[in-house]
Amino acid sequence: QAYTVLGRVFRDAVAEGKIPDSPVR
């Protein structure tokens, strides 16, 4: 559950241009 949430947070951060890529992999 926590990993899923963290992944969603970083995917949205990428979509908003906060970061270029997600480290959650």
PDB file of all heavy atoms in Angstrom:
ATOM      1  N   GLN A   1       0.832  -1.204   0.000  1.00  0.00           N
ATOM      2  CA  GLN A   1       0.000   0.000   0.000  1.00  0.00           C
ATOM      3  C   GLN A   1       0.865   1.252   0.000  1.00  0.00           C
ATOM      4  O   GLN A   1       0.635   2.184  -0.786  1.00  0.00           O
ATOM      5  CB  GLN A   1      -0.918  -0.008   1.224  1.00  0.00           C
ATOM      6  CG  GLN A   1      -1.685   1.284   1.453  1.00  0.00           C
ATOM      7  CD  GLN A   1      -2.853   1.461   0.516  1.00  0.00           C
ATOM      8  OE1 GLN A   1      -3.277   0.513  -0.132  1.00  0.00           O
ATOM      9  NE2 GLN A   1      -3.361   2.675   0.417  1.00  0.00           N
ATOM     10  N   ALA A   2       1.863   1.308   0.882  1.00  0.00           N
ATOM     11  CA  ALA A   2       2.716   2.486   0.975  1.00  0.00           C
ATOM     12  C   ALA A   2       3.503   2.700  -0.310  1.00  0.00           C
ATOM     13  O   ALA A   2       3.658   3.836  -0.780  1.00  0.00           O
ATOM     14  CB  ALA A   2       3.673   2.354   2.164  1.00  0.00           C
ATOM     15  N   TYR A   3       3.997   1.616  -0.892  1.00  0.00           N
ATOM     16  CA  TYR A   3       4.752   1.721  -2.142  1.00  0.00           C
ATOM     17  C   TYR A   3       3.858   2.242  -3.266  1.00  0.00           C
ATOM     18  O   TYR A   3       4.277   3.080  -4.072  1.00  0.00           O
ATOM     19  CB  TYR A   3       5.339   0.362  -2.522  1.00  0.00           C
ATOM     20  CG  TYR A   3       6.146   0.400  -3.806  1.00  0.00           C
ATOM     21  CD1 TYR A   3       7.487   0.769  -3.791  1.00  0.00           C
ATOM     22  CD2 TYR A   3       5.559   0.084  -5.026  1.00  0.00           C
ATOM     23  CE1 TYR A   3       8.217   0.828  -4.964  1.00  0.00           C
ATOM     24  CE2 TYR A   3       6.283   0.137  -6.204  1.00  0.00           C
ATOM     25  CZ  TYR A   3       7.612   0.509  -6.166  1.00  0.00           C
ATOM     26  OH  TYR A   3       8.344   0.571  -7.332  1.00  0.00           O
ATOM     27  N   THR A   4       2.622   1.761  -3.306  1.00  0.00           N
ATOM     28  CA  THR A   4       1.676   2.213  -4.321  1.00  0.00           C
ATOM     29  C   THR A   4       1.412   3.709  -4.192  1.00  0.00           C
ATOM     30  O   THR A   4       1.371   4.443  -5.181  1.00  0.00           O
ATOM     31  CB  THR A   4       0.356   1.434  -4.204  1.00  0.00           C
ATOM     32  OG1 THR A   4       0.615   0.045  -4.433  1.00  0.00           O
ATOM     33  CG2 THR A   4      -0.669   1.937  -5.201  1.00  0.00           C
ATOM     34  N   VAL A   5       1.234   4.172  -2.954  1.00  0.00           N
ATOM     35  CA  VAL A   5       0.988   5.594  -2.718  1.00  0.00           C
ATOM     36  C   VAL A   5       2.206   6.426  -3.118  1.00  0.00           C
ATOM     37  O   VAL A   5       2.083   7.454  -3.794  1.00  0.00           O
ATOM     38  CB  VAL A   5       0.636   5.849  -1.237  1.00  0.00           C
ATOM     39  CG1 VAL A   5       0.497   7.341  -0.967  1.00  0.00           C
ATOM     40  CG2 VAL A   5      -0.655   5.137  -0.865  1.00  0.00           C
ATOM     41  N   LEU A   6       3.389   5.981  -2.704  1.00  0.00           N
ATOM     42  CA  LEU A   6       4.610   6.715  -3.053  1.00  0.00           C
ATOM     43  C   LEU A   6       4.773   6.796  -4.572  1.00  0.00           C
ATOM     44  O   LEU A   6       5.149   7.836  -5.122  1.00  0.00           O
ATOM     45  CB  LEU A   6       5.826   6.045  -2.429  1.00  0.00           C
ATOM     46  CG  LEU A   6       7.154   6.812  -2.572  1.00  0.00           C
ATOM     47  CD1 LEU A   6       7.115   8.084  -1.738  1.00  0.00           C
ATOM     48  CD2 LEU A   6       8.335   5.940  -2.138  1.00  0.00           C
ATOM     49  N   GLY A   7       4.484   5.684  -5.247  1.00  0.00           N
ATOM     50  CA  GLY A   7       4.576   5.679  -6.702  1.00  0.00           C
ATOM     51  C   GLY A   7       3.629   6.677  -7.339  1.00  0.00           C
ATOM     52  O   GLY A   7       3.991   7.381  -8.288  1.00  0.00           O
ATOM     53  N   ARG A   8       2.404   6.756  -6.805  1.00  0.00           N
ATOM     54  CA  ARG A   8       1.433   7.700  -7.365  1.00  0.00           C
ATOM     55  C   ARG A   8       1.872   9.133  -7.121  1.00  0.00           C
ATOM     56  O   ARG A   8       1.718   9.997  -7.996  1.00  0.00           O
ATOM     57  CB  ARG A   8       0.061   7.445  -6.745  1.00  0.00           C
ATOM     58  CG  ARG A   8      -1.020   8.350  -7.297  1.00  0.00           C
ATOM     59  CD  ARG A   8      -2.415   7.880  -6.942  1.00  0.00           C
ATOM     60  NE  ARG A   8      -3.408   8.804  -7.464  1.00  0.00           N
ATOM     61  CZ  ARG A   8      -4.725   8.630  -7.373  1.00  0.00           C
ATOM     62  NH1 ARG A   8      -5.195   7.542  -6.795  1.00  0.00           N
ATOM     63  NH2 ARG A   8      -5.566   9.513  -7.874  1.00  0.00           N
ATOM     64  N   VAL A   9       2.429   9.397  -5.938  1.00  0.00           N
ATOM     65  CA  VAL A   9       2.920  10.742  -5.622  1.00  0.00           C
ATOM     66  C   VAL A   9       3.979  11.172  -6.634  1.00  0.00           C
ATOM     67  O   VAL A   9       3.922  12.275  -7.203  1.00  0.00           O
ATOM     68  CB  VAL A   9       3.508  10.783  -4.190  1.00  0.00           C
ATOM     69  CG1 VAL A   9       4.307  12.066  -3.981  1.00  0.00           C
ATOM     70  CG2 VAL A   9       2.394  10.685  -3.155  1.00  0.00           C
ATOM     71  N   PHE A  10       4.947  10.309  -6.892  1.00  0.00           N
ATOM     72  CA  PHE A  10       6.035  10.677  -7.786  1.00  0.00           C
ATOM     73  C   PHE A  10       5.597  10.708  -9.255  1.00  0.00           C
ATOM     74  O   PHE A  10       6.112  11.523 -10.032  1.00  0.00           O
ATOM     75  CB  PHE A  10       7.227   9.749  -7.581  1.00  0.00           C
ATOM     76  CG  PHE A  10       8.133  10.209  -6.469  1.00  0.00           C
ATOM     77  CD1 PHE A  10       7.914   9.810  -5.162  1.00  0.00           C
ATOM     78  CD2 PHE A  10       9.182  11.069  -6.734  1.00  0.00           C
ATOM     79  CE1 PHE A  10       8.730  10.254  -4.131  1.00  0.00           C
ATOM     80  CE2 PHE A  10      10.007  11.525  -5.721  1.00  0.00           C
ATOM     81  CZ  PHE A  10       9.788  11.119  -4.411  1.00  0.00           C
ATOM     82  N   ARG A  11       4.668   9.861  -9.645  1.00  0.00           N
ATOM     83  CA  ARG A  11       4.159   9.947 -11.013  1.00  0.00           C
ATOM     84  C   ARG A  11       3.481  11.286 -11.263  1.00  0.00           C
ATOM     85  O   ARG A  11       3.644  11.903 -12.318  1.00  0.00           O
ATOM     86  CB  ARG A  11       3.181   8.801 -11.293  1.00  0.00           C
ATOM     87  CG  ARG A  11       3.828   7.458 -11.532  1.00  0.00           C
ATOM     88  CD  ARG A  11       2.858   6.481 -12.184  1.00  0.00           C
ATOM     89  NE  ARG A  11       1.648   6.294 -11.404  1.00  0.00           N
ATOM     90  CZ  ARG A  11       1.528   5.427 -10.396  1.00  0.00           C
ATOM     91  NH1 ARG A  11       2.557   4.677 -10.045  1.00  0.00           N
ATOM     92  NH2 ARG A  11       0.378   5.304  -9.751  1.00  0.00           N
ATOM     93  N   ASP A  12       2.720  11.737 -10.265  1.00  0.00           N
ATOM     94  CA  ASP A  12       2.051  13.032 -10.404  1.00  0.00           C
ATOM     95  C   ASP A  12       3.054  14.177 -10.374  1.00  0.00           C
ATOM     96  O   ASP A  12       2.868  15.199 -11.052  1.00  0.00           O
ATOM     97  CB  ASP A  12       1.007  13.200  -9.293  1.00  0.00           C
ATOM     98  CG  ASP A  12      -0.207  12.296  -9.499  1.00  0.00           C
ATOM     99  OD1 ASP A  12      -0.329  11.719 -10.600  1.00  0.00           O
ATOM    100  OD2 ASP A  12      -1.013  12.166  -8.566  1.00  0.00           O
ATOM    101  N   ALA A  13       4.120  14.019  -9.591  1.00  0.00           N
ATOM    102  CA  ALA A  13       5.163  15.051  -9.557  1.00  0.00           C
ATOM    103  C   ALA A  13       5.851  15.162 -10.916  1.00  0.00           C
ATOM    104  O   ALA A  13       6.196  16.261 -11.368  1.00  0.00           O
ATOM    105  CB  ALA A  13       6.186  14.725  -8.465  1.00  0.00           C
ATOM    106  N   VAL A  14       6.046  14.034 -11.576  1.00  0.00           N
ATOM    107  CA  VAL A  14       6.618  14.038 -12.932  1.00  0.00           C
ATOM    108  C   VAL A  14       5.666  14.737 -13.894  1.00  0.00           C
ATOM    109  O   VAL A  14       6.071  15.565 -14.708  1.00  0.00           O
ATOM    110  CB  VAL A  14       6.897  12.593 -13.409  1.00  0.00           C
ATOM    111  CG1 VAL A  14       7.272  12.583 -14.889  1.00  0.00           C
ATOM    112  CG2 VAL A  14       8.009  11.963 -12.582  1.00  0.00           C
ATOM    113  N   ALA A  15       4.379  14.403 -13.798  1.00  0.00           N
ATOM    114  CA  ALA A  15       3.380  14.992 -14.696  1.00  0.00           C
ATOM    115  C   ALA A  15       3.302  16.506 -14.524  1.00  0.00           C
ATOM    116  O   ALA A  15       3.011  17.232 -15.485  1.00  0.00           O
ATOM    117  CB  ALA A  15       2.015  14.362 -14.439  1.00  0.00           C
ATOM    118  N   GLU A  16       3.566  16.987 -13.313  1.00  0.00           N
ATOM    119  CA  GLU A  16       3.512  18.427 -13.043  1.00  0.00           C
ATOM    120  C   GLU A  16       4.834  19.124 -13.342  1.00  0.00           C
ATOM    121  O   GLU A  16       4.940  20.346 -13.183  1.00  0.00           O
ATOM    122  CB  GLU A  16       3.138  18.657 -11.573  1.00  0.00           C
ATOM    123  CG  GLU A  16       1.723  18.229 -11.230  1.00  0.00           C
ATOM    124  CD  GLU A  16       1.419  18.394  -9.752  1.00  0.00           C
ATOM    125  OE1 GLU A  16       2.140  19.164  -9.085  1.00  0.00           O
ATOM    126  OE2 GLU A  16       0.470  17.758  -9.272  1.00  0.00           O
ATOM    127  N   GLY A  17       5.834  18.375 -13.770  1.00  0.00           N
ATOM    128  CA  GLY A  17       7.114  18.983 -14.101  1.00  0.00           C
ATOM    129  C   GLY A  17       8.006  19.264 -12.913  1.00  0.00           C
ATOM    130  O   GLY A  17       9.012  19.964 -13.039  1.00  0.00           O
ATOM    131  N   LYS A  18       7.648  18.698 -11.744  1.00  0.00           N
ATOM    132  CA  LYS A  18       8.484  18.908 -10.558  1.00  0.00           C
ATOM    133  C   LYS A  18       9.815  18.170 -10.691  1.00  0.00           C
ATOM    134  O   LYS A  18      10.860  18.641 -10.244  1.00  0.00           O
ATOM    135  CB  LYS A  18       7.747  18.412  -9.310  1.00  0.00           C
ATOM    136  CG  LYS A  18       6.555  19.254  -8.898  1.00  0.00           C
ATOM    137  CD  LYS A  18       7.005  20.550  -8.269  1.00  0.00           C
ATOM    138  CE  LYS A  18       5.832  21.342  -7.710  1.00  0.00           C
ATOM    139  NZ  LYS A  18       6.282  22.627  -7.113  1.00  0.00           N
ATOM    140  N   ILE A  19       9.759  16.995 -11.265  1.00  0.00           N
ATOM    141  CA  ILE A  19      10.937  16.159 -11.478  1.00  0.00           C
ATOM    142  C   ILE A  19      10.810  15.513 -12.855  1.00  0.00           C
ATOM    143  O   ILE A  19       9.691  15.339 -13.347  1.00  0.00           O
ATOM    144  CB  ILE A  19      11.082  15.062 -10.400  1.00  0.00           C
ATOM    145  CG1 ILE A  19       9.766  14.281 -10.257  1.00  0.00           C
ATOM    146  CG2 ILE A  19      11.535  15.647  -9.067  1.00  0.00           C
ATOM    147  CD1 ILE A  19       9.834  13.120  -9.291  1.00  0.00           C
ATOM    148  N   PRO A  20      11.926  15.158 -13.472  1.00  0.00           N
ATOM    149  CA  PRO A  20      11.845  14.580 -14.817  1.00  0.00           C
ATOM    150  C   PRO A  20      11.505  13.102 -14.841  1.00  0.00           C
ATOM    151  O   PRO A  20      11.005  12.585 -15.837  1.00  0.00           O
ATOM    152  CB  PRO A  20      13.247  14.816 -15.382  1.00  0.00           C
ATOM    153  CG  PRO A  20      14.132  14.859 -14.182  1.00  0.00           C
ATOM    154  CD  PRO A  20      13.311  15.490 -13.093  1.00  0.00           C
ATOM    155  N   ASP A  21      11.763  12.391 -13.741  1.00  0.00           N
ATOM    156  CA  ASP A  21      11.550  10.945 -13.748  1.00  0.00           C
ATOM    157  C   ASP A  21      11.254  10.475 -12.328  1.00  0.00           C
ATOM    158  O   ASP A  21      11.661  11.104 -11.350  1.00  0.00           O
ATOM    159  CB  ASP A  21      12.791  10.232 -14.282  1.00  0.00           C
ATOM    160  CG  ASP A  21      12.514   8.789 -14.661  1.00  0.00           C
ATOM    161  OD1 ASP A  21      11.335   8.448 -14.822  1.00  0.00           O
ATOM    162  OD2 ASP A  21      13.473   8.007 -14.770  1.00  0.00           O
ATOM    163  N   SER A  22      10.540   9.356 -12.218  1.00  0.00           N
ATOM    164  CA  SER A  22      10.201   8.825 -10.898  1.00  0.00           C
ATOM    165  C   SER A  22      11.249   7.818 -10.436  1.00  0.00           C
ATOM    166  O   SER A  22      11.628   6.923 -11.200  1.00  0.00           O
ATOM    167  CB  SER A  22       8.835   8.153 -10.915  1.00  0.00           C
ATOM    168  OG  SER A  22       8.605   7.450  -9.693  1.00  0.00           O
ATOM    169  N   PRO A  23      11.692   7.916  -9.183  1.00  0.00           N
ATOM    170  CA  PRO A  23      12.645   6.945  -8.642  1.00  0.00           C
ATOM    171  C   PRO A  23      11.959   5.709  -8.065  1.00  0.00           C
ATOM    172  O   PRO A  23      12.618   4.796  -7.577  1.00  0.00           O
ATOM    173  CB  PRO A  23      13.331   7.744  -7.531  1.00  0.00           C
ATOM    174  CG  PRO A  23      12.238   8.627  -7.007  1.00  0.00           C
ATOM    175  CD  PRO A  23      11.417   9.003  -8.215  1.00  0.00           C
ATOM    176  N   VAL A  24      10.628   5.673  -8.103  1.00  0.00           N
ATOM    177  CA  VAL A  24       9.876   4.578  -7.491  1.00  0.00           C
ATOM    178  C   VAL A  24       9.696   3.471  -8.516  1.00  0.00           C
ATOM    179  O   VAL A  24       8.718   3.450  -9.276  1.00  0.00           O
ATOM    180  CB  VAL A  24       8.513   5.077  -6.961  1.00  0.00           C
ATOM    181  CG1 VAL A  24       7.803   3.980  -6.199  1.00  0.00           C
ATOM    182  CG2 VAL A  24       8.703   6.302  -6.079  1.00  0.00           C
ATOM    183  N   ARG A  25      10.649   2.563  -8.558  1.00  0.00           N
ATOM    184  CA  ARG A  25      10.600   1.488  -9.551  1.00  0.00           C
ATOM    185  C   ARG A  25      11.264   0.216  -9.024  1.00  0.00           C
ATOM    186  O   ARG A  25      12.178  -0.326  -9.647  1.00  0.00           O
ATOM    187  CB  ARG A  25      11.234   1.938 -10.870  1.00  0.00           C
ATOM    188  CG  ARG A  25      12.542   2.714 -10.745  1.00  0.00           C
ATOM    189  CD  ARG A  25      13.075   3.066 -12.126  1.00  0.00           C
ATOM    190  NE  ARG A  25      14.352   3.740 -12.091  1.00  0.00           N
ATOM    191  CZ  ARG A  25      14.523   5.041 -12.093  1.00  0.00           C
ATOM    192  NH1 ARG A  25      13.458   5.824 -12.128  1.00  0.00           N
ATOM    193  NH2 ARG A  25      15.737   5.572 -12.074  1.00  0.00           N
TER     194      ARG A  25
END
